[in-house]
């Protein structure tokens, strides 16, 4: 654990792509940002290479996934 002196700032930790995974959407070769269920990604309208397991999505496609599943996630939270 590092203690900071008064007025000293830390550098923001940048999220790096250390896994080397690529986006699983057909036609996209961007680095993966998040992994979601492949089944849910297909329900959201994304054309992924996998039918089971996890589908890795780049930032752009993850944003599309979030927009497509916004209402489902909201209803899930309200149902608890």
PDB file of N, CA and C in Angstrom:
ATOM      1  N   UNK A   1       0.835  -1.163   0.000  1.00  0.00           N
ATOM      2  CA  UNK A   1       0.000   0.000   0.000  1.00  0.00           C
ATOM      3  C   UNK A   1       0.883   1.231   0.000  1.00  0.00           C
ATOM      4  N   UNK A   2       0.607   2.146  -0.906  1.00  0.00           N
ATOM      5  CA  UNK A   2       1.416   3.352  -1.026  1.00  0.00           C
ATOM      6  C   UNK A   2       0.665   4.523  -0.421  1.00  0.00           C
ATOM      7  N   UNK A   3       1.337   5.246   0.455  1.00  0.00           N
ATOM      8  CA  UNK A   3       0.745   6.438   1.041  1.00  0.00           C
ATOM      9  C   UNK A   3       1.159   7.649   0.235  1.00  0.00           C
ATOM     10  N   UNK A   4       0.218   8.545   0.027  1.00  0.00           N
ATOM     11  CA  UNK A   4       0.496   9.744  -0.746  1.00  0.00           C
ATOM     12  C   UNK A   4       0.792  10.914   0.175  1.00  0.00           C
ATOM     13  N   UNK A   5       1.717  11.750  -0.266  1.00  0.00           N
ATOM     14  CA  UNK A   5       1.999  12.974   0.472  1.00  0.00           C
ATOM     15  C   UNK A   5       0.958  14.012   0.091  1.00  0.00           C
ATOM     16  N   UNK A   6       0.802  14.995   0.923  1.00  0.00           N
ATOM     17  CA  UNK A   6      -0.179  16.051   0.658  1.00  0.00           C
ATOM     18  C   UNK A   6       0.138  16.706  -0.680  1.00  0.00           C
ATOM     19  N   UNK A   7      -0.882  16.815  -1.542  1.00  0.00           N
ATOM     20  CA  UNK A   7      -0.722  17.442  -2.849  1.00  0.00           C
ATOM     21  C   UNK A   7      -0.227  16.496  -3.935  1.00  0.00           C
ATOM     22  N   UNK A   8       0.172  15.296  -3.568  1.00  0.00           N
ATOM     23  CA  UNK A   8       0.654  14.334  -4.550  1.00  0.00           C
ATOM     24  C   UNK A   8      -0.537  13.603  -5.165  1.00  0.00           C
ATOM     25  N   UNK A   9      -0.528  13.457  -6.463  1.00  0.00           N
ATOM     26  CA  UNK A   9      -1.626  12.788  -7.154  1.00  0.00           C
ATOM     27  C   UNK A   9      -1.143  11.479  -7.750  1.00  0.00           C
ATOM     28  N   UNK A  10      -2.063  10.553  -7.847  1.00  0.00           N
ATOM     29  CA  UNK A  10      -1.726   9.282  -8.483  1.00  0.00           C
ATOM     30  C   UNK A  10      -2.108   9.348  -9.941  1.00  0.00           C
ATOM     31  N   UNK A  11      -1.465   8.533 -10.725  1.00  0.00           N
ATOM     32  CA  UNK A  11      -1.821   8.434 -12.133  1.00  0.00           C
ATOM     33  C   UNK A  11      -3.023   7.511 -12.250  1.00  0.00           C
ATOM     34  N   UNK A  12      -3.994   7.857 -13.089  1.00  0.00           N
ATOM     35  CA  UNK A  12      -5.155   6.971 -13.236  1.00  0.00           C
ATOM     36  C   UNK A  12      -4.741   5.645 -13.850  1.00  0.00           C
ATOM     37  N   UNK A  13      -5.284   4.594 -13.294  1.00  0.00           N
ATOM     38  CA  UNK A  13      -4.975   3.263 -13.813  1.00  0.00           C
ATOM     39  C   UNK A  13      -5.740   3.056 -15.108  1.00  0.00           C
ATOM     40  N   UNK A  14      -5.021   2.819 -16.185  1.00  0.00           N
ATOM     41  CA  UNK A  14      -5.661   2.600 -17.473  1.00  0.00           C
ATOM     42  C   UNK A  14      -5.971   1.124 -17.628  1.00  0.00           C
ATOM     43  N   UNK A  15      -7.133   0.864 -18.171  1.00  0.00           N
ATOM     44  CA  UNK A  15      -7.552  -0.511 -18.411  1.00  0.00           C
ATOM     45  C   UNK A  15      -6.879  -0.978 -19.701  1.00  0.00           C
ATOM     46  N   UNK A  16      -6.067  -1.988 -19.608  1.00  0.00           N
ATOM     47  CA  UNK A  16      -5.375  -2.458 -20.802  1.00  0.00           C
ATOM     48  C   UNK A  16      -5.926  -3.806 -21.240  1.00  0.00           C
ATOM     49  N   UNK A  17      -5.803  -4.056 -22.525  1.00  0.00           N
ATOM     50  CA  UNK A  17      -6.265  -5.317 -23.087  1.00  0.00           C
ATOM     51  C   UNK A  17      -5.133  -6.328 -22.991  1.00  0.00           C
ATOM     52  N   UNK A  18      -5.084  -7.071 -21.901  1.00  0.00           N
ATOM     53  CA  UNK A  18      -4.001  -8.029 -21.693  1.00  0.00           C
ATOM     54  C   UNK A  18      -4.380  -9.428 -22.162  1.00  0.00           C
ATOM     55  N   UNK A  19      -5.648  -9.654 -22.434  1.00  0.00           N
ATOM     56  CA  UNK A  19      -6.073 -11.002 -22.804  1.00  0.00           C
ATOM     57  C   UNK A  19      -5.770 -11.318 -24.255  1.00  0.00           C
ATOM     58  N   UNK A  20      -5.684 -10.310 -25.106  1.00  0.00           N
ATOM     59  CA  UNK A  20      -5.426 -10.549 -26.517  1.00  0.00           C
ATOM     60  C   UNK A  20      -6.650 -11.009 -27.278  1.00  0.00           C
ATOM     61  N   UNK A  21      -7.818 -10.985 -26.651  1.00  0.00           N
ATOM     62  CA  UNK A  21      -9.045 -11.419 -27.306  1.00  0.00           C
ATOM     63  C   UNK A  21      -9.501 -10.376 -28.317  1.00  0.00           C
ATOM     64  N   UNK A  22     -10.219 -10.809 -29.316  1.00  0.00           N
ATOM     65  CA  UNK A  22     -10.787  -9.931 -30.337  1.00  0.00           C
ATOM     66  C   UNK A  22     -12.302 -10.005 -30.259  1.00  0.00           C
ATOM     67  N   UNK A  23     -12.951  -9.001 -30.800  1.00  0.00           N
ATOM     68  CA  UNK A  23     -14.408  -8.944 -30.816  1.00  0.00           C
ATOM     69  C   UNK A  23     -14.955 -10.125 -31.618  1.00  0.00           C
ATOM     70  N   UNK A  24     -15.985 -10.778 -31.101  1.00  0.00           N
ATOM     71  CA  UNK A  24     -16.558 -11.953 -31.749  1.00  0.00           C
ATOM     72  C   UNK A  24     -17.679 -11.628 -32.730  1.00  0.00           C
ATOM     73  N   UNK A  25     -17.969 -10.351 -32.942  1.00  0.00           N
ATOM     74  CA  UNK A  25     -18.994  -9.977 -33.912  1.00  0.00           C
ATOM     75  C   UNK A  25     -18.410 -10.188 -35.305  1.00  0.00           C
ATOM     76  N   UNK A  26     -19.192 -10.792 -36.177  1.00  0.00           N
ATOM     77  CA  UNK A  26     -18.723 -11.092 -37.526  1.00  0.00           C
ATOM     78  C   UNK A  26     -18.340  -9.800 -38.250  1.00  0.00           C
ATOM     79  N   UNK A  27     -17.115  -9.764 -38.767  1.00  0.00           N
ATOM     80  CA  UNK A  27     -16.626  -8.605 -39.508  1.00  0.00           C
ATOM     81  C   UNK A  27     -15.893  -7.575 -38.676  1.00  0.00           C
ATOM     82  N   UNK A  28     -15.770  -7.793 -37.378  1.00  0.00           N
ATOM     83  CA  UNK A  28     -15.096  -6.837 -36.492  1.00  0.00           C
ATOM     84  C   UNK A  28     -13.811  -7.466 -35.966  1.00  0.00           C
ATOM     85  N   UNK A  29     -12.741  -6.700 -35.939  1.00  0.00           N
ATOM     86  CA  UNK A  29     -11.469  -7.220 -35.427  1.00  0.00           C
ATOM     87  C   UNK A  29     -10.878  -6.315 -34.356  1.00  0.00           C
ATOM     88  N   UNK A  30     -11.712  -5.519 -33.714  1.00  0.00           N
ATOM     89  CA  UNK A  30     -11.266  -4.631 -32.640  1.00  0.00           C
ATOM     90  C   UNK A  30     -10.930  -5.465 -31.400  1.00  0.00           C
ATOM     91  N   UNK A  31     -10.091  -4.934 -30.509  1.00  0.00           N
ATOM     92  CA  UNK A  31      -9.803  -5.662 -29.267  1.00  0.00           C
ATOM     93  C   UNK A  31     -11.037  -5.757 -28.374  1.00  0.00           C
ATOM     94  N   UNK A  32     -11.157  -6.859 -27.662  1.00  0.00           N
ATOM     95  CA  UNK A  32     -12.317  -7.094 -26.805  1.00  0.00           C
ATOM     96  C   UNK A  32     -12.281  -6.172 -25.596  1.00  0.00           C
ATOM     97  N   UNK A  33     -13.448  -5.689 -25.194  1.00  0.00           N
ATOM     98  CA  UNK A  33     -13.588  -4.811 -24.035  1.00  0.00           C
ATOM     99  C   UNK A  33     -14.306  -5.541 -22.906  1.00  0.00           C
ATOM    100  N   UNK A  34     -15.363  -6.272 -23.242  1.00  0.00           N
ATOM    101  CA  UNK A  34     -16.162  -7.012 -22.265  1.00  0.00           C
ATOM    102  C   UNK A  34     -16.577  -8.352 -22.870  1.00  0.00           C
ATOM    103  N   UNK A  35     -16.963  -9.263 -22.003  1.00  0.00           N
ATOM    104  CA  UNK A  35     -17.495 -10.545 -22.437  1.00  0.00           C
ATOM    105  C   UNK A  35     -18.900 -10.696 -21.869  1.00  0.00           C
ATOM    106  N   UNK A  36     -19.837 -11.070 -22.734  1.00  0.00           N
ATOM    107  CA  UNK A  36     -21.223 -11.285 -22.323  1.00  0.00           C
ATOM    108  C   UNK A  36     -21.656 -12.646 -22.842  1.00  0.00           C
ATOM    109  N   UNK A  37     -22.807 -13.090 -22.413  1.00  0.00           N
ATOM    110  CA  UNK A  37     -23.338 -14.353 -22.881  1.00  0.00           C
ATOM    111  C   UNK A  37     -23.584 -14.273 -24.392  1.00  0.00           C
ATOM    112  N   UNK A  38     -23.114 -15.264 -25.129  1.00  0.00           N
ATOM    113  CA  UNK A  38     -23.297 -15.271 -26.576  1.00  0.00           C
ATOM    114  C   UNK A  38     -24.780 -15.337 -26.929  1.00  0.00           C
ATOM    115  N   UNK A  39     -25.530 -16.074 -26.138  1.00  0.00           N
ATOM    116  CA  UNK A  39     -26.972 -16.199 -26.364  1.00  0.00           C
ATOM    117  C   UNK A  39     -27.651 -14.834 -26.229  1.00  0.00           C
ATOM    118  N   UNK A  40     -27.302 -14.085 -25.182  1.00  0.00           N
ATOM    119  CA  UNK A  40     -27.882 -12.757 -24.981  1.00  0.00           C
ATOM    120  C   UNK A  40     -27.432 -11.769 -26.055  1.00  0.00           C
ATOM    121  N   UNK A  41     -26.194 -11.905 -26.518  1.00  0.00           N
ATOM    122  CA  UNK A  41     -25.699 -11.023 -27.575  1.00  0.00           C
ATOM    123  C   UNK A  41     -26.479 -11.262 -28.872  1.00  0.00           C
ATOM    124  N   UNK A  42     -26.807 -12.515 -29.160  1.00  0.00           N
ATOM    125  CA  UNK A  42     -27.581 -12.814 -30.362  1.00  0.00           C
ATOM    126  C   UNK A  42     -29.009 -12.295 -30.215  1.00  0.00           C
ATOM    127  N   UNK A  43     -29.589 -12.391 -29.008  1.00  0.00           N
ATOM    128  CA  UNK A  43     -30.930 -11.853 -28.764  1.00  0.00           C
ATOM    129  C   UNK A  43     -30.955 -10.343 -28.951  1.00  0.00           C
ATOM    130  N   UNK A  44     -29.837  -9.680 -28.657  1.00  0.00           N
ATOM    131  CA  UNK A  44     -29.746  -8.228 -28.781  1.00  0.00           C
ATOM    132  C   UNK A  44     -29.539  -7.793 -30.234  1.00  0.00           C
ATOM    133  N   UNK A  45     -29.408  -8.751 -31.141  1.00  0.00           N
ATOM    134  CA  UNK A  45     -29.293  -8.421 -32.550  1.00  0.00           C
ATOM    135  C   UNK A  45     -27.875  -8.403 -33.085  1.00  0.00           C
ATOM    136  N   UNK A  46     -26.902  -8.794 -32.291  1.00  0.00           N
ATOM    137  CA  UNK A  46     -25.520  -8.841 -32.757  1.00  0.00           C
ATOM    138  C   UNK A  46     -25.242 -10.196 -33.392  1.00  0.00           C
ATOM    139  N   UNK A  47     -24.534 -10.198 -34.487  1.00  0.00           N
ATOM    140  CA  UNK A  47     -24.196 -11.442 -35.181  1.00  0.00           C
ATOM    141  C   UNK A  47     -22.822 -11.893 -34.707  1.00  0.00           C
ATOM    142  N   UNK A  48     -22.829 -12.829 -33.750  1.00  0.00           N
ATOM    143  CA  UNK A  48     -21.578 -13.314 -33.164  1.00  0.00           C
ATOM    144  C   UNK A  48     -21.206 -14.666 -33.744  1.00  0.00           C
ATOM    145  N   UNK A  49     -19.910 -14.994 -33.653  1.00  0.00           N
ATOM    146  CA  UNK A  49     -19.387 -16.245 -34.193  1.00  0.00           C
ATOM    147  C   UNK A  49     -19.774 -17.452 -33.347  1.00  0.00           C
ATOM    148  N   UNK A  50     -20.062 -17.225 -32.080  1.00  0.00           N
ATOM    149  CA  UNK A  50     -20.328 -18.325 -31.154  1.00  0.00           C
ATOM    150  C   UNK A  50     -21.820 -18.454 -30.892  1.00  0.00           C
ATOM    151  N   UNK A  51     -22.259 -19.660 -30.598  1.00  0.00           N
ATOM    152  CA  UNK A  51     -23.650 -19.877 -30.225  1.00  0.00           C
ATOM    153  C   UNK A  51     -23.788 -20.170 -28.739  1.00  0.00           C
ATOM    154  N   UNK A  52     -22.708 -20.601 -28.109  1.00  0.00           N
ATOM    155  CA  UNK A  52     -22.713 -20.898 -26.679  1.00  0.00           C
ATOM    156  C   UNK A  52     -21.500 -20.255 -26.030  1.00  0.00           C
ATOM    157  N   UNK A  53     -21.585 -20.107 -24.730  1.00  0.00           N
ATOM    158  CA  UNK A  53     -20.452 -19.564 -23.982  1.00  0.00           C
ATOM    159  C   UNK A  53     -20.446 -18.049 -23.971  1.00  0.00           C
ATOM    160  N   UNK A  54     -19.269 -17.499 -23.877  1.00  0.00           N
ATOM    161  CA  UNK A  54     -19.108 -16.058 -23.792  1.00  0.00           C
ATOM    162  C   UNK A  54     -18.746 -15.480 -25.155  1.00  0.00           C
ATOM    163  N   UNK A  55     -19.313 -14.332 -25.454  1.00  0.00           N
ATOM    164  CA  UNK A  55     -18.971 -13.593 -26.666  1.00  0.00           C
ATOM    165  C   UNK A  55     -18.217 -12.353 -26.231  1.00  0.00           C
ATOM    166  N   UNK A  56     -17.037 -12.160 -26.774  1.00  0.00           N
ATOM    167  CA  UNK A  56     -16.236 -10.983 -26.459  1.00  0.00           C
ATOM    168  C   UNK A  56     -16.656  -9.851 -27.387  1.00  0.00           C
ATOM    169  N   UNK A  57     -16.885  -8.675 -26.797  1.00  0.00           N
ATOM    170  CA  UNK A  57     -17.341  -7.520 -27.567  1.00  0.00           C
ATOM    171  C   UNK A  57     -16.384  -6.353 -27.400  1.00  0.00           C
ATOM    172  N   UNK A  58     -16.175  -5.607 -28.488  1.00  0.00           N
ATOM    173  CA  UNK A  58     -15.376  -4.387 -28.416  1.00  0.00           C
ATOM    174  C   UNK A  58     -16.228  -3.284 -27.794  1.00  0.00           C
ATOM    175  N   UNK A  59     -15.658  -2.122 -27.580  1.00  0.00           N
ATOM    176  CA  UNK A  59     -16.392  -1.023 -26.933  1.00  0.00           C
ATOM    177  C   UNK A  59     -17.627  -0.633 -27.744  1.00  0.00           C
ATOM    178  N   UNK A  60     -17.473  -0.559 -29.061  1.00  0.00           N
ATOM    179  CA  UNK A  60     -18.580  -0.142 -29.928  1.00  0.00           C
ATOM    180  C   UNK A  60     -19.746  -1.131 -29.848  1.00  0.00           C
ATOM    181  N   UNK A  61     -19.449  -2.415 -29.965  1.00  0.00           N
ATOM    182  CA  UNK A  61     -20.507  -3.417 -29.943  1.00  0.00           C
ATOM    183  C   UNK A  61     -21.075  -3.624 -28.539  1.00  0.00           C
ATOM    184  N   UNK A  62     -20.265  -3.419 -27.508  1.00  0.00           N
ATOM    185  CA  UNK A  62     -20.787  -3.504 -26.145  1.00  0.00           C
ATOM    186  C   UNK A  62     -21.795  -2.385 -25.896  1.00  0.00           C
ATOM    187  N   UNK A  63     -21.514  -1.211 -26.454  1.00  0.00           N
ATOM    188  CA  UNK A  63     -22.447  -0.084 -26.324  1.00  0.00           C
ATOM    189  C   UNK A  63     -23.769  -0.408 -27.020  1.00  0.00           C
ATOM    190  N   UNK A  64     -23.697  -1.024 -28.199  1.00  0.00           N
ATOM    191  CA  UNK A  64     -24.915  -1.446 -28.908  1.00  0.00           C
ATOM    192  C   UNK A  64     -25.682  -2.486 -28.089  1.00  0.00           C
ATOM    193  N   UNK A  65     -24.946  -3.424 -27.488  1.00  0.00           N
ATOM    194  CA  UNK A  65     -25.557  -4.464 -26.652  1.00  0.00           C
ATOM    195  C   UNK A  65     -26.284  -3.832 -25.472  1.00  0.00           C
ATOM    196  N   UNK A  66     -25.642  -2.862 -24.810  1.00  0.00           N
ATOM    197  CA  UNK A  66     -26.263  -2.208 -23.661  1.00  0.00           C
ATOM    198  C   UNK A  66     -27.537  -1.470 -24.061  1.00  0.00           C
ATOM    199  N   UNK A  67     -27.506  -0.794 -25.206  1.00  0.00           N
ATOM    200  CA  UNK A  67     -28.696  -0.071 -25.661  1.00  0.00           C
ATOM    201  C   UNK A  67     -29.831  -1.035 -25.976  1.00  0.00           C
ATOM    202  N   UNK A  68     -29.506  -2.166 -26.587  1.00  0.00           N
ATOM    203  CA  UNK A  68     -30.530  -3.127 -26.978  1.00  0.00           C
ATOM    204  C   UNK A  68     -31.146  -3.842 -25.771  1.00  0.00           C
ATOM    205  N   UNK A  69     -30.385  -3.969 -24.692  1.00  0.00           N
ATOM    206  CA  UNK A  69     -30.880  -4.703 -23.530  1.00  0.00           C
ATOM    207  C   UNK A  69     -31.274  -3.788 -22.375  1.00  0.00           C
ATOM    208  N   UNK A  70     -31.353  -2.507 -22.622  1.00  0.00           N
ATOM    209  CA  UNK A  70     -31.636  -1.546 -21.557  1.00  0.00           C
ATOM    210  C   UNK A  70     -32.963  -1.841 -20.858  1.00  0.00           C
ATOM    211  N   UNK A  71     -34.014  -2.056 -21.622  1.00  0.00           N
ATOM    212  CA  UNK A  71     -35.333  -2.296 -21.035  1.00  0.00           C
ATOM    213  C   UNK A  71     -35.354  -3.620 -20.274  1.00  0.00           C
ATOM    214  N   UNK A  72     -34.723  -4.648 -20.805  1.00  0.00           N
ATOM    215  CA  UNK A  72     -34.670  -5.942 -20.125  1.00  0.00           C
ATOM    216  C   UNK A  72     -33.965  -5.825 -18.778  1.00  0.00           C
ATOM    217  N   UNK A  73     -32.850  -5.099 -18.746  1.00  0.00           N
ATOM    218  CA  UNK A  73     -32.114  -4.922 -17.502  1.00  0.00           C
ATOM    219  C   UNK A  73     -32.925  -4.119 -16.489  1.00  0.00           C
ATOM    220  N   UNK A  74     -33.654  -3.126 -16.977  1.00  0.00           N
ATOM    221  CA  UNK A  74     -34.487  -2.312 -16.091  1.00  0.00           C
ATOM    222  C   UNK A  74     -35.603  -3.161 -15.475  1.00  0.00           C
ATOM    223  N   UNK A  75     -36.264  -3.969 -16.291  1.00  0.00           N
ATOM    224  CA  UNK A  75     -37.323  -4.842 -15.784  1.00  0.00           C
ATOM    225  C   UNK A  75     -36.769  -5.878 -14.817  1.00  0.00           C
ATOM    226  N   UNK A  76     -35.573  -6.357 -15.069  1.00  0.00           N
ATOM    227  CA  UNK A  76     -34.935  -7.318 -14.172  1.00  0.00           C
ATOM    228  C   UNK A  76     -34.711  -6.694 -12.800  1.00  0.00           C
ATOM    229  N   UNK A  77     -34.239  -5.457 -12.774  1.00  0.00           N
ATOM    230  CA  UNK A  77     -34.002  -4.790 -11.496  1.00  0.00           C
ATOM    231  C   UNK A  77     -35.306  -4.537 -10.737  1.00  0.00           C
ATOM    232  N   UNK A  78     -36.373  -4.183 -11.454  1.00  0.00           N
ATOM    233  CA  UNK A  78     -37.646  -3.894 -10.809  1.00  0.00           C
ATOM    234  C   UNK A  78     -38.310  -5.163 -10.270  1.00  0.00           C
ATOM    235  N   UNK A  79     -38.020  -6.295 -10.877  1.00  0.00           N
ATOM    236  CA  UNK A  79     -38.651  -7.546 -10.485  1.00  0.00           C
ATOM    237  C   UNK A  79     -38.072  -8.158  -9.243  1.00  0.00           C
ATOM    238  N   UNK A  80     -36.969  -7.653  -8.747  1.00  0.00           N
ATOM    239  CA  UNK A  80     -36.308  -8.261  -7.568  1.00  0.00           C
ATOM    240  C   UNK A  80     -36.992  -7.957  -6.304  1.00  0.00           C
TER     241      UNK A  80
END
